[in-house]
PDB file of N, CA and C in Angstrom:
ATOM      1  N   MET A   1       0.836  -1.184   0.000  1.00  0.00           N
ATOM      2  CA  MET A   1       0.000   0.000   0.000  1.00  0.00           C
ATOM      3  C   MET A   1       0.882   1.250   0.000  1.00  0.00           C
ATOM      4  N   HIS A   2       1.924   1.231   0.806  1.00  0.00           N
ATOM      5  CA  HIS A   2       2.816   2.386   0.884  1.00  0.00           C
ATOM      6  C   HIS A   2       3.404   2.714  -0.483  1.00  0.00           C
ATOM      7  N   ALA A   3       3.867   1.699  -1.192  1.00  0.00           N
ATOM      8  CA  ALA A   3       4.480   1.935  -2.499  1.00  0.00           C
ATOM      9  C   ALA A   3       3.481   2.535  -3.483  1.00  0.00           C
ATOM     10  N   LEU A   4       2.257   2.068  -3.470  1.00  0.00           N
ATOM     11  CA  LEU A   4       1.247   2.583  -4.392  1.00  0.00           C
ATOM     12  C   LEU A   4       0.935   4.048  -4.134  1.00  0.00           C
ATOM     13  N   ILE A   5       0.714   4.385  -2.879  1.00  0.00           N
ATOM     14  CA  ILE A   5       0.333   5.755  -2.541  1.00  0.00           C
ATOM     15  C   ILE A   5       1.521   6.698  -2.666  1.00  0.00           C
ATOM     16  N   SER A   6       2.679   6.282  -2.187  1.00  0.00           N
ATOM     17  CA  SER A   6       3.844   7.172  -2.253  1.00  0.00           C
ATOM     18  C   SER A   6       4.228   7.456  -3.699  1.00  0.00           C
ATOM     19  N   ASP A   7       4.045   6.484  -4.588  1.00  0.00           N
ATOM     20  CA  ASP A   7       4.331   6.709  -6.001  1.00  0.00           C
ATOM     21  C   ASP A   7       3.405   7.779  -6.584  1.00  0.00           C
ATOM     22  N   LEU A   8       2.138   7.766  -6.188  1.00  0.00           N
ATOM     23  CA  LEU A   8       1.202   8.807  -6.629  1.00  0.00           C
ATOM     24  C   LEU A   8       1.670  10.188  -6.171  1.00  0.00           C
ATOM     25  N   PHE A   9       2.117  10.282  -4.925  1.00  0.00           N
ATOM     26  CA  PHE A   9       2.604  11.560  -4.399  1.00  0.00           C
ATOM     27  C   PHE A   9       3.833  12.033  -5.164  1.00  0.00           C
ATOM     28  N   ARG A  10       4.740  11.113  -5.460  1.00  0.00           N
ATOM     29  CA  ARG A  10       5.957  11.489  -6.186  1.00  0.00           C
ATOM     30  C   ARG A  10       5.644  12.003  -7.593  1.00  0.00           C
ATOM     31  N   HIS A  11       4.689  11.379  -8.258  1.00  0.00           N
ATOM     32  CA  HIS A  11       4.376  11.760  -9.632  1.00  0.00           C
ATOM     33  C   HIS A  11       3.439  12.964  -9.736  1.00  0.00           C
ATOM     34  N   TYR A  12       2.499  13.097  -8.799  1.00  0.00           N
ATOM     35  CA  TYR A  12       1.457  14.114  -8.947  1.00  0.00           C
ATOM     36  C   TYR A  12       1.435  15.163  -7.836  1.00  0.00           C
ATOM     37  N   GLY A  13       2.296  15.038  -6.844  1.00  0.00           N
ATOM     38  CA  GLY A  13       2.367  16.031  -5.782  1.00  0.00           C
ATOM     39  C   GLY A  13       1.332  15.819  -4.687  1.00  0.00           C
ATOM     40  N   ASN A  14       1.355  16.716  -3.712  1.00  0.00           N
ATOM     41  CA  ASN A  14       0.489  16.594  -2.533  1.00  0.00           C
ATOM     42  C   ASN A  14      -1.001  16.724  -2.846  1.00  0.00           C
ATOM     43  N   ASP A  15      -1.333  17.343  -3.955  1.00  0.00           N
ATOM     44  CA  ASP A  15      -2.747  17.528  -4.301  1.00  0.00           C
ATOM     45  C   ASP A  15      -3.400  16.270  -4.864  1.00  0.00           C
ATOM     46  N   VAL A  16      -2.648  15.204  -4.986  1.00  0.00           N
ATOM     47  CA  VAL A  16      -3.180  13.977  -5.583  1.00  0.00           C
ATOM     48  C   VAL A  16      -4.398  13.446  -4.822  1.00  0.00           C
ATOM     49  N   LEU A  17      -4.447  13.639  -3.529  1.00  0.00           N
ATOM     50  CA  LEU A  17      -5.578  13.115  -2.750  1.00  0.00           C
ATOM     51  C   LEU A  17      -6.872  13.836  -3.063  1.00  0.00           C
ATOM     52  N   ASP A  18      -6.778  15.024  -3.655  1.00  0.00           N
ATOM     53  CA  ASP A  18      -7.983  15.732  -4.087  1.00  0.00           C
ATOM     54  C   ASP A  18      -8.581  15.110  -5.346  1.00  0.00           C
ATOM     55  N   ARG A  19      -7.782  14.297  -6.036  1.00  0.00           N
ATOM     56  CA  ARG A  19      -8.211  13.709  -7.302  1.00  0.00           C
ATOM     57  C   ARG A  19      -8.431  12.201  -7.243  1.00  0.00           C
ATOM     58  N   VAL A  20      -8.116  11.572  -6.116  1.00  0.00           N
ATOM     59  CA  VAL A  20      -8.216  10.116  -5.979  1.00  0.00           C
ATOM     60  C   VAL A  20      -9.263   9.779  -4.928  1.00  0.00           C
ATOM     61  N   THR A  21     -10.064   8.751  -5.230  1.00  0.00           N
ATOM     62  CA  THR A  21     -11.073   8.281  -4.281  1.00  0.00           C
ATOM     63  C   THR A  21     -10.790   6.826  -3.938  1.00  0.00           C
ATOM     64  N   PHE A  22     -10.769   6.522  -2.654  1.00  0.00           N
ATOM     65  CA  PHE A  22     -10.590   5.150  -2.191  1.00  0.00           C
ATOM     66  C   PHE A  22     -11.953   4.637  -1.758  1.00  0.00           C
ATOM     67  N   LYS A  23     -12.415   3.565  -2.399  1.00  0.00           N
ATOM     68  CA  LYS A  23     -13.745   3.033  -2.118  1.00  0.00           C
ATOM     69  C   LYS A  23     -13.651   1.632  -1.515  1.00  0.00           C
ATOM     70  N   SER A  24     -14.607   1.316  -0.661  1.00  0.00           N
ATOM     71  CA  SER A  24     -14.747  -0.021  -0.088  1.00  0.00           C
ATOM     72  C   SER A  24     -13.487  -0.488   0.636  1.00  0.00           C
ATOM     73  N   CYS A  25     -12.824   0.423   1.323  1.00  0.00           N
ATOM     74  CA  CYS A  25     -11.623   0.077   2.073  1.00  0.00           C
ATOM     75  C   CYS A  25     -11.998  -0.293   3.507  1.00  0.00           C
ATOM     76  N   SER A  26     -11.292  -1.254   4.034  1.00  0.00           N
ATOM     77  CA  SER A  26     -11.481  -1.605   5.437  1.00  0.00           C
ATOM     78  C   SER A  26     -10.895  -0.490   6.306  1.00  0.00           C
ATOM     79  N   GLU A  27     -11.220  -0.523   7.579  1.00  0.00           N
ATOM     80  CA  GLU A  27     -10.684   0.493   8.508  1.00  0.00           C
ATOM     81  C   GLU A  27      -9.164   0.419   8.563  1.00  0.00           C
ATOM     82  N   THR A  28      -8.614  -0.770   8.495  1.00  0.00           N
ATOM     83  CA  THR A  28      -7.156  -0.937   8.517  1.00  0.00           C
ATOM     84  C   THR A  28      -6.522  -0.283   7.309  1.00  0.00           C
ATOM     85  N   VAL A  29      -7.088  -0.489   6.145  1.00  0.00           N
ATOM     86  CA  VAL A  29      -6.548   0.115   4.924  1.00  0.00           C
ATOM     87  C   VAL A  29      -6.675   1.633   4.985  1.00  0.00           C
ATOM     88  N   LYS A  30      -7.799   2.134   5.491  1.00  0.00           N
ATOM     89  CA  LYS A  30      -7.972   3.589   5.641  1.00  0.00           C
ATOM     90  C   LYS A  30      -6.896   4.177   6.531  1.00  0.00           C
ATOM     91  N   LYS A  31      -6.564   3.486   7.618  1.00  0.00           N
ATOM     92  CA  LYS A  31      -5.520   3.967   8.528  1.00  0.00           C
ATOM     93  C   LYS A  31      -4.165   3.976   7.837  1.00  0.00           C
ATOM     94  N   ILE A  32      -3.885   2.947   7.055  1.00  0.00           N
ATOM     95  CA  ILE A  32      -2.614   2.890   6.333  1.00  0.00           C
ATOM     96  C   ILE A  32      -2.530   4.020   5.325  1.00  0.00           C
ATOM     97  N   ILE A  33      -3.611   4.276   4.617  1.00  0.00           N
ATOM     98  CA  ILE A  33      -3.643   5.377   3.641  1.00  0.00           C
ATOM     99  C   ILE A  33      -3.363   6.696   4.338  1.00  0.00           C
ATOM    100  N   THR A  34      -3.990   6.909   5.474  1.00  0.00           N
ATOM    101  CA  THR A  34      -3.787   8.150   6.229  1.00  0.00           C
ATOM    102  C   THR A  34      -2.345   8.291   6.688  1.00  0.00           C
ATOM    103  N   ILE A  35      -1.778   7.221   7.203  1.00  0.00           N
ATOM    104  CA  ILE A  35      -0.390   7.253   7.684  1.00  0.00           C
ATOM    105  C   ILE A  35       0.565   7.574   6.534  1.00  0.00           C
ATOM    106  N   VAL A  36       0.396   6.897   5.405  1.00  0.00           N
ATOM    107  CA  VAL A  36       1.279   7.125   4.261  1.00  0.00           C
ATOM    108  C   VAL A  36       1.102   8.538   3.716  1.00  0.00           C
ATOM    109  N   ALA A  37      -0.132   8.992   3.611  1.00  0.00           N
ATOM    110  CA  ALA A  37      -0.391  10.344   3.100  1.00  0.00           C
ATOM    111  C   ALA A  37       0.238  11.399   4.013  1.00  0.00           C
ATOM    112  N   ASP A  38       0.078  11.229   5.309  1.00  0.00           N
ATOM    113  CA  ASP A  38       0.703  12.166   6.262  1.00  0.00           C
ATOM    114  C   ASP A  38       2.216  12.167   6.126  1.00  0.00           C
ATOM    115  N   TYR A  39       2.776  10.983   6.030  1.00  0.00           N
ATOM    116  CA  TYR A  39       4.237  10.857   5.906  1.00  0.00           C
ATOM    117  C   TYR A  39       4.748  11.526   4.634  1.00  0.00           C
ATOM    118  N   MET A  40       4.062  11.282   3.528  1.00  0.00           N
ATOM    119  CA  MET A  40       4.504  11.854   2.257  1.00  0.00           C
ATOM    120  C   MET A  40       4.371  13.373   2.238  1.00  0.00           C
ATOM    121  N   GLN A  41       3.358  13.907   2.889  1.00  0.00           N
ATOM    122  CA  GLN A  41       3.171  15.360   2.919  1.00  0.00           C
ATOM    123  C   GLN A  41       4.234  16.006   3.793  1.00  0.00           C
ATOM    124  N   GLU A  42       4.654  15.319   4.848  1.00  0.00           N
ATOM    125  CA  GLU A  42       5.695  15.866   5.730  1.00  0.00           C
ATOM    126  C   GLU A  42       7.061  15.831   5.068  1.00  0.00           C
ATOM    127  N   SER A  43       7.286  14.853   4.212  1.00  0.00           N
ATOM    128  CA  SER A  43       8.609  14.686   3.622  1.00  0.00           C
ATOM    129  C   SER A  43       8.892  15.674   2.498  1.00  0.00           C
ATOM    130  N   GLU A  44       7.892  16.403   2.035  1.00  0.00           N
ATOM    131  CA  GLU A  44       8.097  17.346   0.938  1.00  0.00           C
ATOM    132  C   GLU A  44       8.457  18.702   1.430  1.00  0.00           C
TER     133      GLU A  44
END
C-alpha cells in the first residue's frame, strides 16, 4: 500500500488526494492510507 500511494505523491504532488477516491476500504486500509499520506506530505 505504501508503495502505491507514495508513487502517486511522487508523480502528482500533494494535491493527488484531491483527485483520488478510495472506495470499499477496510478500517485498517484507511488507517494505512492516512499514515502514508501524512508521511509523504511531511517529507516534501
